[in-house]
Amino acid sequence: MKVRAYDNQKLFDILTIVPVSKANALQRAGRAGR
């Protein structure tokens, strides 16, 4: 259970960081698509 809780915390940290870089990646992909 401790490990699972730790993984959940790590996943939450990643999810809080990702959105910005994900948006940038989508923007880049959109430009590349054109």
PDB file of N, CA and C in Angstrom:
ATOM      1  N   MET A   1       0.837  -1.206   0.000  1.00  0.00           N
ATOM      2  CA  MET A   1       0.000   0.000   0.000  1.00  0.00           C
ATOM      3  C   MET A   1       0.875   1.260   0.000  1.00  0.00           C
ATOM      4  N   LYS A   2       1.975   1.215   0.733  1.00  0.00           N
ATOM      5  CA  LYS A   2       2.861   2.382   0.780  1.00  0.00           C
ATOM      6  C   LYS A   2       3.378   2.717  -0.611  1.00  0.00           C
ATOM      7  N   VAL A   3       3.786   1.670  -1.334  1.00  0.00           N
ATOM      8  CA  VAL A   3       4.334   1.891  -2.677  1.00  0.00           C
ATOM      9  C   VAL A   3       3.266   2.494  -3.581  1.00  0.00           C
ATOM     10  N   ARG A   4       2.052   1.960  -3.505  1.00  0.00           N
ATOM     11  CA  ARG A   4       0.963   2.456  -4.351  1.00  0.00           C
ATOM     12  C   ARG A   4       0.685   3.927  -4.049  1.00  0.00           C
ATOM     13  N   ALA A   5       0.672   4.271  -2.767  1.00  0.00           N
ATOM     14  CA  ALA A   5       0.434   5.662  -2.369  1.00  0.00           C
ATOM     15  C   ALA A   5       1.547   6.553  -2.911  1.00  0.00           C
ATOM     16  N   TYR A   6       2.773   6.061  -2.858  1.00  0.00           N
ATOM     17  CA  TYR A   6       3.913   6.834  -3.363  1.00  0.00           C
ATOM     18  C   TYR A   6       3.775   7.033  -4.868  1.00  0.00           C
ATOM     19  N   ASP A   7       3.396   5.969  -5.583  1.00  0.00           N
ATOM     20  CA  ASP A   7       3.213   6.063  -7.033  1.00  0.00           C
ATOM     21  C   ASP A   7       2.121   7.076  -7.362  1.00  0.00           C
ATOM     22  N   ASN A   8       1.036   7.046  -6.600  1.00  0.00           N
ATOM     23  CA  ASN A   8      -0.052   7.996  -6.835  1.00  0.00           C
ATOM     24  C   ASN A   8       0.437   9.426  -6.645  1.00  0.00           C
ATOM     25  N   GLN A   9       1.249   9.652  -5.637  1.00  0.00           N
ATOM     26  CA  GLN A   9       1.782  10.991  -5.384  1.00  0.00           C
ATOM     27  C   GLN A   9       2.684  11.416  -6.533  1.00  0.00           C
ATOM     28  N   LYS A  10       3.512  10.489  -7.007  1.00  0.00           N
ATOM     29  CA  LYS A  10       4.418  10.791  -8.116  1.00  0.00           C
ATOM     30  C   LYS A  10       3.600  11.101  -9.372  1.00  0.00           C
ATOM     31  N   LEU A  11       2.573  10.286  -9.607  1.00  0.00           N
ATOM     32  CA  LEU A  11       1.717  10.494 -10.774  1.00  0.00           C
ATOM     33  C   LEU A  11       1.048  11.859 -10.693  1.00  0.00           C
ATOM     34  N   PHE A  12       0.599  12.235  -9.509  1.00  0.00           N
ATOM     35  CA  PHE A  12      -0.043  13.538  -9.322  1.00  0.00           C
ATOM     36  C   PHE A  12       0.939  14.665  -9.623  1.00  0.00           C
ATOM     37  N   ASP A  13       2.183  14.506  -9.146  1.00  0.00           N
ATOM     38  CA  ASP A  13       3.213  15.516  -9.412  1.00  0.00           C
ATOM     39  C   ASP A  13       3.438  15.645 -10.913  1.00  0.00           C
ATOM     40  N   ILE A  14       3.488  14.498 -11.606  1.00  0.00           N
ATOM     41  CA  ILE A  14       3.700  14.518 -13.060  1.00  0.00           C
ATOM     42  C   ILE A  14       2.521  15.217 -13.746  1.00  0.00           C
ATOM     43  N   LEU A  15       1.302  14.865 -13.336  1.00  0.00           N
ATOM     44  CA  LEU A  15       0.113  15.450 -13.958  1.00  0.00           C
ATOM     45  C   LEU A  15       0.059  16.961 -13.763  1.00  0.00           C
ATOM     46  N   THR A  16       0.579  17.449 -12.656  1.00  0.00           N
ATOM     47  CA  THR A  16       0.561  18.894 -12.415  1.00  0.00           C
ATOM     48  C   THR A  16       1.600  19.593 -13.275  1.00  0.00           C
ATOM     49  N   ILE A  17       2.668  18.877 -13.628  1.00  0.00           N
ATOM     50  CA  ILE A  17       3.747  19.478 -14.426  1.00  0.00           C
ATOM     51  C   ILE A  17       3.459  19.363 -15.926  1.00  0.00           C
ATOM     52  N   VAL A  18       2.909  18.236 -16.336  1.00  0.00           N
ATOM     53  CA  VAL A  18       2.751  17.919 -17.761  1.00  0.00           C
ATOM     54  C   VAL A  18       1.919  18.909 -18.578  1.00  0.00           C
ATOM     55  N   PRO A  19       0.716  19.329 -18.123  1.00  0.00           N
ATOM     56  CA  PRO A  19      -0.185  20.116 -18.983  1.00  0.00           C
ATOM     57  C   PRO A  19       0.488  21.193 -19.822  1.00  0.00           C
ATOM     58  N   VAL A  20       1.407  21.964 -19.267  1.00  0.00           N
ATOM     59  CA  VAL A  20       2.049  23.044 -20.016  1.00  0.00           C
ATOM     60  C   VAL A  20       2.872  22.487 -21.164  1.00  0.00           C
ATOM     61  N   SER A  21       3.739  21.522 -20.871  1.00  0.00           N
ATOM     62  CA  SER A  21       4.584  20.935 -21.904  1.00  0.00           C
ATOM     63  C   SER A  21       3.725  20.189 -22.922  1.00  0.00           C
ATOM     64  N   LYS A  22       2.626  19.593 -22.460  1.00  0.00           N
ATOM     65  CA  LYS A  22       1.726  18.884 -23.363  1.00  0.00           C
ATOM     66  C   LYS A  22       1.087  19.870 -24.336  1.00  0.00           C
ATOM     67  N   ALA A  23       0.675  21.018 -23.837  1.00  0.00           N
ATOM     68  CA  ALA A  23       0.078  22.049 -24.684  1.00  0.00           C
ATOM     69  C   ALA A  23       1.097  22.513 -25.721  1.00  0.00           C
ATOM     70  N   ASN A  24       2.341  22.702 -25.285  1.00  0.00           N
ATOM     71  CA  ASN A  24       3.393  23.113 -26.210  1.00  0.00           C
ATOM     72  C   ASN A  24       3.614  22.045 -27.269  1.00  0.00           C
ATOM     73  N   ALA A  25       3.597  20.780 -26.864  1.00  0.00           N
ATOM     74  CA  ALA A  25       3.793  19.673 -27.799  1.00  0.00           C
ATOM     75  C   ALA A  25       2.663  19.644 -28.821  1.00  0.00           C
ATOM     76  N   LEU A  26       1.429  19.846 -28.359  1.00  0.00           N
ATOM     77  CA  LEU A  26       0.284  19.856 -29.271  1.00  0.00           C
ATOM     78  C   LEU A  26       0.407  21.013 -30.257  1.00  0.00           C
ATOM     79  N   GLN A  27       0.850  22.161 -29.779  1.00  0.00           N
ATOM     80  CA  GLN A  27       1.009  23.322 -30.642  1.00  0.00           C
ATOM     81  C   GLN A  27       2.063  23.025 -31.712  1.00  0.00           C
ATOM     82  N   ARG A  28       3.167  22.426 -31.293  1.00  0.00           N
ATOM     83  CA  ARG A  28       4.232  22.063 -32.233  1.00  0.00           C
ATOM     84  C   ARG A  28       3.720  21.059 -33.252  1.00  0.00           C
ATOM     85  N   ALA A  29       2.983  20.053 -32.764  1.00  0.00           N
ATOM     86  CA  ALA A  29       2.447  19.024 -33.656  1.00  0.00           C
ATOM     87  C   ALA A  29       1.504  19.663 -34.671  1.00  0.00           C
ATOM     88  N   GLY A  30       0.700  20.627 -34.210  1.00  0.00           N
ATOM     89  CA  GLY A  30      -0.229  21.318 -35.107  1.00  0.00           C
ATOM     90  C   GLY A  30       0.523  22.064 -36.192  1.00  0.00           C
ATOM     91  N   ARG A  31       1.597  22.735 -35.823  1.00  0.00           N
ATOM     92  CA  ARG A  31       2.395  23.482 -36.799  1.00  0.00           C
ATOM     93  C   ARG A  31       3.066  22.529 -37.776  1.00  0.00           C
ATOM     94  N   ALA A  32       3.583  21.417 -37.239  1.00  0.00           N
ATOM     95  CA  ALA A  32       4.266  20.434 -38.083  1.00  0.00           C
ATOM     96  C   ALA A  32       3.266  19.803 -39.052  1.00  0.00           C
ATOM     97  N   GLY A  33       2.015  19.616 -38.558  1.00  0.00           N
ATOM     98  CA  GLY A  33       0.972  19.022 -39.392  1.00  0.00           C
ATOM     99  C   GLY A  33       0.679  19.885 -40.606  1.00  0.00           C
ATOM    100  N   ARG A  34       0.730  21.208 -40.403  1.00  0.00           N
ATOM    101  CA  ARG A  34       0.512  22.125 -41.509  1.00  0.00           C
ATOM    102  C   ARG A  34       1.740  22.118 -42.394  1.00  0.00           C
TER     103      ARG A  34
END
